[in-house]
Amino acid sequence: MEEWEREHPGLMVGFTTKNGGTSIDEYSSLNMGFHVNDREQNVLQNRKILSEQLHVDLSNWVVGEQVHDTKVALIQATDVGSGSHSNNTSLSGVDGLIIPPDVNALAVSLYADCVPLYFFDPVTKFVGIAHAGWKGTVGRIASKMVQSFVDQGSEKKNIKVIVGPSISREHYQVDNNVIKHLTDNEMQICTNQVSDNQYLLDLKELNREILLQSGVFRHNIEVTKYCTFRDETLFFSHRRDKGITGRMLGFIGYNV
């Protein structure tokens, strides 16, 4: 992420930790999600902390509803501010956000084990972020993001992607309800069978495979090594914390 920012002044891309905020108990302390059972004023204050650090007003944020689906929204000026101060105003049914260079907005998405996918075309200057849980991943939201970039004039050879912090293979056990959506090749690369109907699934690697299948060049895909489950001092984890936990925030946009 730092490399993108270093090579392209004005570009902002990042992922928060769970530290440095105002929330308490299970949501301690930088919980960014309104939709969990945290106090709304704490979440708003946490978002303001990040907003001040980035020098981007909350009114310029745009947030999707995140329903574990594959709907991608091309952000218009009228969408800016959606979901910034309340979950009720987030973009309905949206898990992927794409921002044109002429729209002054910060694309924001929330995570606690799911995979953040950051997209950037240095030629067209379009940016985007997608929320890829297992449903979004097997639904090929990564591929839909690539196609959406192409629809806006990108060439696949120019699209860069970062696969951000999420749960690792070692800590993500699933059954055939998930695995049945994978191809044989994806099964071989991205899973380990541990018992009858039980598998360890590498969501990061699966998203990389889908990106490669979609035409993104391998050298343009960066996969982070952070694990939200394992790195307990840094991140919330829905699976580790038994579903009662906060949310980190991924963001991408321009500081204009």
C-alpha atoms as a PDB file:
ATOM      1  CA  MET A   1       0.000   0.000   0.000  1.00  0.00           C
ATOM      2  CA  GLU A   2       2.829   2.370   0.875  1.00  0.00           C
ATOM      3  CA  GLU A   3       4.379   1.687  -2.538  1.00  0.00           C
ATOM      4  CA  TRP A   4       1.219   2.805  -4.315  1.00  0.00           C
ATOM      5  CA  GLU A   5       1.165   6.010  -2.270  1.00  0.00           C
ATOM      6  CA  ARG A   6       4.873   6.621  -2.796  1.00  0.00           C
ATOM      7  CA  GLU A   7       4.692   6.140  -6.553  1.00  0.00           C
ATOM      8  CA  HIS A   8       1.458   8.108  -6.989  1.00  0.00           C
ATOM      9  CA  PRO A   9       1.390  11.293  -4.878  1.00  0.00           C
ATOM     10  CA  GLY A  10      -2.116  12.181  -3.752  1.00  0.00           C
ATOM     11  CA  LEU A  11      -3.317   8.577  -3.707  1.00  0.00           C
ATOM     12  CA  MET A  12      -4.465   7.366  -0.286  1.00  0.00           C
ATOM     13  CA  VAL A  13      -4.842   3.667   0.451  1.00  0.00           C
ATOM     14  CA  GLY A  14      -4.864   1.910   3.796  1.00  0.00           C
ATOM     15  CA  PHE A  15      -6.360  -0.397   6.396  1.00  0.00           C
ATOM     16  CA  THR A  16      -6.978   0.451  10.039  1.00  0.00           C
ATOM     17  CA  THR A  17      -6.083  -1.647  13.068  1.00  0.00           C
ATOM     18  CA  LYS A  18      -8.341  -2.068  16.086  1.00  0.00           C
ATOM     19  CA  ASN A  19      -6.213   0.319  18.172  1.00  0.00           C
ATOM     20  CA  GLY A  20      -6.367   4.035  18.903  1.00  0.00           C
ATOM     21  CA  GLY A  21     -10.098   4.633  19.250  1.00  0.00           C
ATOM     22  CA  THR A  22     -12.806   5.324  21.818  1.00  0.00           C
ATOM     23  CA  SER A  23     -14.868   2.110  21.854  1.00  0.00           C
ATOM     24  CA  ILE A  24     -14.753  -0.234  24.849  1.00  0.00           C
ATOM     25  CA  ASP A  25     -15.170  -3.923  25.746  1.00  0.00           C
ATOM     26  CA  GLU A  26     -15.504  -6.213  22.704  1.00  0.00           C
ATOM     27  CA  TYR A  27     -15.245  -3.210  20.402  1.00  0.00           C
ATOM     28  CA  SER A  28     -12.082  -1.772  21.925  1.00  0.00           C
ATOM     29  CA  SER A  29     -11.062   0.456  20.586  1.00  0.00           C
ATOM     30  CA  LEU A  30     -11.101   1.693  16.950  1.00  0.00           C
ATOM     31  CA  ASN A  31     -14.319   0.010  15.841  1.00  0.00           C
ATOM     32  CA  MET A  32     -15.443   1.520  12.538  1.00  0.00           C
ATOM     33  CA  GLY A  33     -18.736  -0.360  12.068  1.00  0.00           C
ATOM     34  CA  PHE A  34     -22.124   1.154  12.911  1.00  0.00           C
ATOM     35  CA  HIS A  35     -23.856  -2.178  12.282  1.00  0.00           C
ATOM     36  CA  VAL A  36     -22.358  -3.972  15.303  1.00  0.00           C
ATOM     37  CA  ASN A  37     -23.685  -3.457  18.835  1.00  0.00           C
ATOM     38  CA  ASP A  38     -21.338  -0.587  19.654  1.00  0.00           C
ATOM     39  CA  ARG A  39     -22.408   2.881  20.776  1.00  0.00           C
ATOM     40  CA  GLU A  40     -23.050   4.974  17.687  1.00  0.00           C
ATOM     41  CA  GLN A  41     -21.313   8.031  19.127  1.00  0.00           C
ATOM     42  CA  ASN A  42     -18.141   5.981  19.684  1.00  0.00           C
ATOM     43  CA  VAL A  43     -18.134   4.758  16.092  1.00  0.00           C
ATOM     44  CA  LEU A  44     -18.675   8.269  14.816  1.00  0.00           C
ATOM     45  CA  GLN A  45     -15.818   9.551  16.957  1.00  0.00           C
ATOM     46  CA  ASN A  46     -13.566   6.742  15.699  1.00  0.00           C
ATOM     47  CA  ARG A  47     -14.364   7.680  12.115  1.00  0.00           C
ATOM     48  CA  LYS A  48     -13.625  11.317  12.874  1.00  0.00           C
ATOM     49  CA  ILE A  49     -10.223  10.298  14.266  1.00  0.00           C
ATOM     50  CA  LEU A  50      -9.335   8.673  10.935  1.00  0.00           C
ATOM     51  CA  SER A  51     -10.901  11.499   8.971  1.00  0.00           C
ATOM     52  CA  GLU A  52      -8.661  14.015  10.716  1.00  0.00           C
ATOM     53  CA  GLN A  53      -5.565  11.861  10.193  1.00  0.00           C
ATOM     54  CA  LEU A  54      -6.299  11.577   6.468  1.00  0.00           C
ATOM     55  CA  HIS A  55      -7.436  15.202   6.105  1.00  0.00           C
ATOM     56  CA  VAL A  56     -10.559  13.950   4.345  1.00  0.00           C
ATOM     57  CA  ASP A  57     -13.884  15.135   5.733  1.00  0.00           C
ATOM     58  CA  LEU A  58     -16.411  12.450   6.640  1.00  0.00           C
ATOM     59  CA  SER A  59     -18.836  14.026   4.189  1.00  0.00           C
ATOM     60  CA  ASN A  60     -16.509  12.844   1.401  1.00  0.00           C
ATOM     61  CA  TRP A  61     -16.622   9.189   2.435  1.00  0.00           C
ATOM     62  CA  VAL A  62     -18.803   6.694   0.604  1.00  0.00           C
ATOM     63  CA  VAL A  63     -19.701   3.307   2.103  1.00  0.00           C
ATOM     64  CA  GLY A  64     -21.579   0.330   0.681  1.00  0.00           C
ATOM     65  CA  GLU A  65     -24.130  -1.660   2.669  1.00  0.00           C
ATOM     66  CA  GLN A  66     -22.024  -4.846   2.357  1.00  0.00           C
ATOM     67  CA  VAL A  67     -24.506  -7.712   2.079  1.00  0.00           C
ATOM     68  CA  HIS A  68     -21.976 -10.416   1.060  1.00  0.00           C
ATOM     69  CA  ASP A  69     -22.996 -10.190  -2.574  1.00  0.00           C
ATOM     70  CA  THR A  70     -21.287  -8.982  -5.759  1.00  0.00           C
ATOM     71  CA  LYS A  71     -22.971  -5.697  -6.653  1.00  0.00           C
ATOM     72  CA  VAL A  72     -20.466  -3.065  -7.784  1.00  0.00           C
ATOM     73  CA  ALA A  73     -21.330   0.640  -7.796  1.00  0.00           C
ATOM     74  CA  LEU A  74     -19.685   3.290  -9.953  1.00  0.00           C
ATOM     75  CA  ILE A  75     -19.746   6.276  -7.620  1.00  0.00           C
ATOM     76  CA  GLN A  76     -21.325   9.505  -8.806  1.00  0.00           C
ATOM     77  CA  ALA A  77     -21.065  12.898  -7.126  1.00  0.00           C
ATOM     78  CA  THR A  78     -24.569  12.410  -5.705  1.00  0.00           C
ATOM     79  CA  ASP A  79     -23.419   9.249  -3.865  1.00  0.00           C
ATOM     80  CA  VAL A  80     -20.672  11.002  -1.912  1.00  0.00           C
ATOM     81  CA  GLY A  81     -21.359  10.950   1.829  1.00  0.00           C
ATOM     82  CA  SER A  82     -23.458   7.775   1.684  1.00  0.00           C
ATOM     83  CA  GLY A  83     -22.913   5.659   4.796  1.00  0.00           C
ATOM     84  CA  SER A  84     -20.410   8.063   6.310  1.00  0.00           C
ATOM     85  CA  HIS A  85     -22.424   9.072   9.386  1.00  0.00           C
ATOM     86  CA  SER A  86     -24.912   6.185   9.569  1.00  0.00           C
ATOM     87  CA  ASN A  87     -25.281   2.649   8.274  1.00  0.00           C
ATOM     88  CA  ASN A  88     -28.831   3.523   7.186  1.00  0.00           C
ATOM     89  CA  THR A  89     -27.545   5.808   4.439  1.00  0.00           C
ATOM     90  CA  SER A  90     -25.010   3.374   2.946  1.00  0.00           C
ATOM     91  CA  LEU A  91     -25.375   2.362  -0.707  1.00  0.00           C
ATOM     92  CA  SER A  92     -27.986  -0.394  -0.722  1.00  0.00           C
ATOM     93  CA  GLY A  93     -26.804  -3.892  -1.629  1.00  0.00           C
ATOM     94  CA  VAL A  94     -23.313  -2.742  -2.603  1.00  0.00           C
ATOM     95  CA  ASP A  95     -20.083  -4.640  -1.816  1.00  0.00           C
ATOM     96  CA  GLY A  96     -17.824  -3.064  -4.446  1.00  0.00           C
ATOM     97  CA  LEU A  97     -17.070   0.622  -4.978  1.00  0.00           C
ATOM     98  CA  ILE A  98     -15.369   2.268  -7.963  1.00  0.00           C
ATOM     99  CA  ILE A  99     -14.498   5.969  -7.965  1.00  0.00           C
ATOM    100  CA  PRO A 100     -13.752   7.931 -11.151  1.00  0.00           C
ATOM    101  CA  PRO A 101     -10.935  10.483 -10.949  1.00  0.00           C
ATOM    102  CA  ASP A 102     -13.371  13.391 -11.307  1.00  0.00           C
ATOM    103  CA  VAL A 103     -15.367  12.432  -8.183  1.00  0.00           C
ATOM    104  CA  ASN A 104     -13.941  13.720  -4.906  1.00  0.00           C
ATOM    105  CA  ALA A 105     -14.613  10.770  -2.603  1.00  0.00           C
ATOM    106  CA  LEU A 106     -12.947   8.229  -0.346  1.00  0.00           C
ATOM    107  CA  ALA A 107     -14.135   4.658  -0.965  1.00  0.00           C
ATOM    108  CA  VAL A 108     -14.583   2.928   2.391  1.00  0.00           C
ATOM    109  CA  SER A 109     -15.298  -0.694   3.304  1.00  0.00           C
ATOM    110  CA  LEU A 110     -15.490  -2.618   6.612  1.00  0.00           C
ATOM    111  CA  TYR A 111     -13.843  -5.899   7.618  1.00  0.00           C
ATOM    112  CA  ALA A 112     -13.333  -8.437  10.393  1.00  0.00           C
ATOM    113  CA  ASP A 113     -11.978 -11.498   8.485  1.00  0.00           C
ATOM    114  CA  CYS A 114     -13.327 -10.943   4.964  1.00  0.00           C
ATOM    115  CA  VAL A 115     -10.915  -9.972   2.207  1.00  0.00           C
ATOM    116  CA  PRO A 116     -10.376  -6.334   1.209  1.00  0.00           C
ATOM    117  CA  LEU A 117      -9.540  -5.991  -2.477  1.00  0.00           C
ATOM    118  CA  TYR A 118      -7.999  -2.674  -3.523  1.00  0.00           C
ATOM    119  CA  PHE A 119      -8.004  -1.718  -7.215  1.00  0.00           C
ATOM    120  CA  PHE A 120      -6.041   1.019  -8.972  1.00  0.00           C
ATOM    121  CA  ASP A 121      -5.412   1.916 -12.593  1.00  0.00           C
ATOM    122  CA  PRO A 122      -2.511   4.389 -12.777  1.00  0.00           C
ATOM    123  CA  VAL A 123      -3.421   5.248 -16.377  1.00  0.00           C
ATOM    124  CA  THR A 124      -7.128   6.099 -16.032  1.00  0.00           C
ATOM    125  CA  LYS A 125      -6.739   7.002 -12.328  1.00  0.00           C
ATOM    126  CA  PHE A 126      -9.846   5.015 -11.389  1.00  0.00           C
ATOM    127  CA  VAL A 127      -9.718   3.441  -7.913  1.00  0.00           C
ATOM    128  CA  GLY A 128     -11.911   0.904  -6.142  1.00  0.00           C
ATOM    129  CA  ILE A 129     -12.372  -1.387  -3.192  1.00  0.00           C
ATOM    130  CA  ALA A 130     -14.362  -4.608  -2.781  1.00  0.00           C
ATOM    131  CA  HIS A 131     -15.545  -6.561   0.252  1.00  0.00           C
ATOM    132  CA  ALA A 132     -15.000 -10.267  -0.442  1.00  0.00           C
ATOM    133  CA  GLY A 133     -16.243 -12.733   2.141  1.00  0.00           C
ATOM    134  CA  TRP A 134     -16.610 -16.322   1.029  1.00  0.00           C
ATOM    135  CA  LYS A 135     -19.910 -15.585  -0.722  1.00  0.00           C
ATOM    136  CA  GLY A 136     -18.528 -12.577  -2.544  1.00  0.00           C
ATOM    137  CA  THR A 137     -15.348 -14.452  -3.383  1.00  0.00           C
ATOM    138  CA  VAL A 138     -17.038 -17.493  -4.939  1.00  0.00           C
ATOM    139  CA  GLY A 139     -19.505 -15.105  -6.571  1.00  0.00           C
ATOM    140  CA  ARG A 140     -16.455 -13.660  -8.354  1.00  0.00           C
ATOM    141  CA  ILE A 141     -16.725 -10.081  -7.109  1.00  0.00           C
ATOM    142  CA  ALA A 142     -13.022  -9.723  -7.974  1.00  0.00           C
ATOM    143  CA  SER A 143     -13.815 -10.530 -11.598  1.00  0.00           C
ATOM    144  CA  LYS A 144     -16.770  -8.151 -11.610  1.00  0.00           C
ATOM    145  CA  MET A 145     -14.544  -5.360 -10.323  1.00  0.00           C
ATOM    146  CA  VAL A 146     -12.052  -6.014 -13.122  1.00  0.00           C
ATOM    147  CA  GLN A 147     -14.811  -5.956 -15.725  1.00  0.00           C
ATOM    148  CA  SER A 148     -16.192  -2.738 -14.253  1.00  0.00           C
ATOM    149  CA  PHE A 149     -12.762  -1.134 -14.635  1.00  0.00           C
ATOM    150  CA  VAL A 150     -12.587  -2.344 -18.243  1.00  0.00           C
ATOM    151  CA  ASP A 151     -16.057  -0.906 -18.870  1.00  0.00           C
ATOM    152  CA  GLN A 152     -14.661   2.461 -17.763  1.00  0.00           C
ATOM    153  CA  GLY A 153     -11.760   2.299 -20.201  1.00  0.00           C
ATOM    154  CA  SER A 154      -9.072   0.400 -18.304  1.00  0.00           C
ATOM    155  CA  GLU A 155      -6.822  -2.138 -19.979  1.00  0.00           C
ATOM    156  CA  LYS A 156      -6.368  -5.268 -17.893  1.00  0.00           C
ATOM    157  CA  LYS A 157      -2.598  -4.995 -18.151  1.00  0.00           C
ATOM    158  CA  ASN A 158      -2.751  -1.709 -16.220  1.00  0.00           C
ATOM    159  CA  ILE A 159      -4.996  -2.805 -13.340  1.00  0.00           C
ATOM    160  CA  LYS A 160      -3.184  -3.200 -10.027  1.00  0.00           C
ATOM    161  CA  VAL A 161      -4.699  -5.036  -7.049  1.00  0.00           C
ATOM    162  CA  ILE A 162      -3.815  -5.429  -3.388  1.00  0.00           C
ATOM    163  CA  VAL A 163      -5.338  -8.354  -1.476  1.00  0.00           C
ATOM    164  CA  GLY A 164      -5.476  -6.931   2.027  1.00  0.00           C
ATOM    165  CA  PRO A 165      -5.451  -8.280   5.608  1.00  0.00           C
ATOM    166  CA  SER A 166      -7.964 -11.083   6.195  1.00  0.00           C
ATOM    167  CA  ILE A 167      -8.284 -14.496   7.792  1.00  0.00           C
ATOM    168  CA  SER A 168      -5.605 -16.992   6.706  1.00  0.00           C
ATOM    169  CA  ARG A 169      -5.967 -20.553   5.473  1.00  0.00           C
ATOM    170  CA  GLU A 170      -4.796 -22.001   8.802  1.00  0.00           C
ATOM    171  CA  HIS A 171      -7.739 -20.464  10.645  1.00  0.00           C
ATOM    172  CA  TYR A 172     -10.549 -20.672   8.090  1.00  0.00           C
ATOM    173  CA  GLN A 173     -12.291 -24.051   8.101  1.00  0.00           C
ATOM    174  CA  VAL A 174     -15.325 -24.512   5.851  1.00  0.00           C
ATOM    175  CA  ASP A 175     -17.487 -27.335   4.505  1.00  0.00           C
ATOM    176  CA  ASN A 176     -18.837 -28.461   1.144  1.00  0.00           C
ATOM    177  CA  ASN A 177     -21.425 -25.677   1.104  1.00  0.00           C
ATOM    178  CA  VAL A 178     -18.502 -23.362   0.353  1.00  0.00           C
ATOM    179  CA  ILE A 179     -16.119 -25.702  -1.447  1.00  0.00           C
ATOM    180  CA  LYS A 180     -18.685 -26.804  -4.048  1.00  0.00           C
ATOM    181  CA  HIS A 181     -18.357 -23.401  -5.713  1.00  0.00           C
ATOM    182  CA  LEU A 182     -14.636 -23.890  -6.503  1.00  0.00           C
ATOM    183  CA  THR A 183     -13.178 -25.380  -9.663  1.00  0.00           C
ATOM    184  CA  ASP A 184     -10.896 -28.410  -9.395  1.00  0.00           C
ATOM    185  CA  ASN A 185      -7.864 -26.218 -10.005  1.00  0.00           C
ATOM    186  CA  GLU A 186      -8.949 -23.742  -7.327  1.00  0.00           C
ATOM    187  CA  MET A 187      -9.511 -26.648  -4.936  1.00  0.00           C
ATOM    188  CA  GLN A 188      -5.974 -27.872  -5.504  1.00  0.00           C
ATOM    189  CA  ILE A 189      -4.369 -24.459  -5.033  1.00  0.00           C
ATOM    190  CA  CYS A 190      -6.538 -22.933  -2.308  1.00  0.00           C
ATOM    191  CA  THR A 191      -7.668 -25.727   0.026  1.00  0.00           C
ATOM    192  CA  ASN A 192      -6.477 -28.501   2.304  1.00  0.00           C
ATOM    193  CA  GLN A 193      -8.941 -31.222   3.255  1.00  0.00           C
ATOM    194  CA  VAL A 194      -8.736 -31.924   6.997  1.00  0.00           C
ATOM    195  CA  SER A 195     -11.575 -34.437   7.346  1.00  0.00           C
ATOM    196  CA  ASP A 196     -14.751 -35.589   5.640  1.00  0.00           C
ATOM    197  CA  ASN A 197     -16.584 -32.460   4.441  1.00  0.00           C
ATOM    198  CA  GLN A 198     -14.103 -30.136   6.193  1.00  0.00           C
ATOM    199  CA  TYR A 199     -11.488 -27.991   4.452  1.00  0.00           C
ATOM    200  CA  LEU A 200      -9.068 -25.186   5.189  1.00  0.00           C
ATOM    201  CA  LEU A 201      -9.693 -22.461   2.612  1.00  0.00           C
ATOM    202  CA  ASP A 202      -7.263 -19.729   1.574  1.00  0.00           C
ATOM    203  CA  LEU A 203      -9.544 -16.817   0.685  1.00  0.00           C
ATOM    204  CA  LYS A 204      -6.627 -14.567  -0.240  1.00  0.00           C
ATOM    205  CA  GLU A 205      -5.199 -17.101  -2.669  1.00  0.00           C
ATOM    206  CA  LEU A 206      -8.627 -17.832  -4.128  1.00  0.00           C
ATOM    207  CA  ASN A 207      -9.111 -14.154  -4.878  1.00  0.00           C
ATOM    208  CA  ARG A 208      -5.673 -14.043  -6.483  1.00  0.00           C
ATOM    209  CA  GLU A 209      -6.599 -16.994  -8.701  1.00  0.00           C
ATOM    210  CA  ILE A 210      -9.852 -15.322  -9.717  1.00  0.00           C
ATOM    211  CA  LEU A 211      -7.987 -12.108 -10.530  1.00  0.00           C
ATOM    212  CA  LEU A 212      -5.522 -14.057 -12.682  1.00  0.00           C
ATOM    213  CA  GLN A 213      -8.399 -15.790 -14.464  1.00  0.00           C
ATOM    214  CA  SER A 214      -9.896 -12.343 -15.049  1.00  0.00           C
ATOM    215  CA  GLY A 215      -6.795 -11.147 -16.870  1.00  0.00           C
ATOM    216  CA  VAL A 216      -4.945  -9.209 -14.172  1.00  0.00           C
ATOM    217  CA  PHE A 217      -1.194  -9.764 -14.510  1.00  0.00           C
ATOM    218  CA  ARG A 218       0.436 -11.731 -11.700  1.00  0.00           C
ATOM    219  CA  HIS A 219       3.075  -9.064 -11.086  1.00  0.00           C
ATOM    220  CA  ASN A 220       0.280  -6.519 -10.578  1.00  0.00           C
ATOM    221  CA  ILE A 221      -1.253  -8.448  -7.664  1.00  0.00           C
ATOM    222  CA  GLU A 222       0.132  -7.964  -4.156  1.00  0.00           C
ATOM    223  CA  VAL A 223      -1.061 -10.244  -1.334  1.00  0.00           C
ATOM    224  CA  THR A 224      -0.542  -9.084   2.241  1.00  0.00           C
ATOM    225  CA  LYS A 225       0.636 -11.549   4.873  1.00  0.00           C
ATOM    226  CA  TYR A 226      -1.416 -10.209   7.796  1.00  0.00           C
ATOM    227  CA  CYS A 227      -4.005 -12.581   9.299  1.00  0.00           C
ATOM    228  CA  THR A 228      -6.928 -10.984  11.124  1.00  0.00           C
ATOM    229  CA  PHE A 229      -7.466 -14.130  13.228  1.00  0.00           C
ATOM    230  CA  ARG A 230      -3.837 -14.693  14.228  1.00  0.00           C
ATOM    231  CA  ASP A 231      -2.728 -11.084  14.687  1.00  0.00           C
ATOM    232  CA  GLU A 232      -4.936 -10.508  17.724  1.00  0.00           C
ATOM    233  CA  THR A 233      -3.169  -7.367  18.949  1.00  0.00           C
ATOM    234  CA  LEU A 234      -3.829  -5.637  15.631  1.00  0.00           C
ATOM    235  CA  PHE A 235      -7.191  -6.777  14.330  1.00  0.00           C
ATOM    236  CA  PHE A 236     -10.768  -7.679  15.150  1.00  0.00           C
ATOM    237  CA  SER A 237     -11.767 -11.163  13.951  1.00  0.00           C
ATOM    238  CA  HIS A 238     -15.371 -12.287  13.558  1.00  0.00           C
ATOM    239  CA  ARG A 239     -14.413 -15.950  13.771  1.00  0.00           C
ATOM    240  CA  ARG A 240     -11.891 -15.660  16.610  1.00  0.00           C
ATOM    241  CA  ASP A 241     -14.142 -13.370  18.639  1.00  0.00           C
ATOM    242  CA  LYS A 242     -17.241 -15.548  18.143  1.00  0.00           C
ATOM    243  CA  GLY A 243     -19.096 -12.901  16.166  1.00  0.00           C
ATOM    244  CA  ILE A 244     -19.077 -10.199  18.853  1.00  0.00           C
ATOM    245  CA  THR A 245     -16.413  -7.795  17.701  1.00  0.00           C
ATOM    246  CA  GLY A 246     -15.663  -4.551  15.893  1.00  0.00           C
ATOM    247  CA  ARG A 247     -14.710  -3.783  12.313  1.00  0.00           C
ATOM    248  CA  MET A 248     -11.574  -2.452  10.671  1.00  0.00           C
ATOM    249  CA  LEU A 249     -11.816  -0.091   7.738  1.00  0.00           C
ATOM    250  CA  GLY A 250     -10.206  -0.193   4.317  1.00  0.00           C
ATOM    251  CA  PHE A 251     -10.041   2.953   2.218  1.00  0.00           C
ATOM    252  CA  ILE A 252      -8.811   4.229  -1.119  1.00  0.00           C
ATOM    253  CA  GLY A 253      -9.096   7.589  -2.833  1.00  0.00           C
ATOM    254  CA  TYR A 254      -7.282  10.806  -3.636  1.00  0.00           C
ATOM    255  CA  ASN A 255      -6.312  13.593  -1.282  1.00  0.00           C
ATOM    256  CA  VAL A 256      -7.434  16.596  -3.303  1.00  0.00           C
END
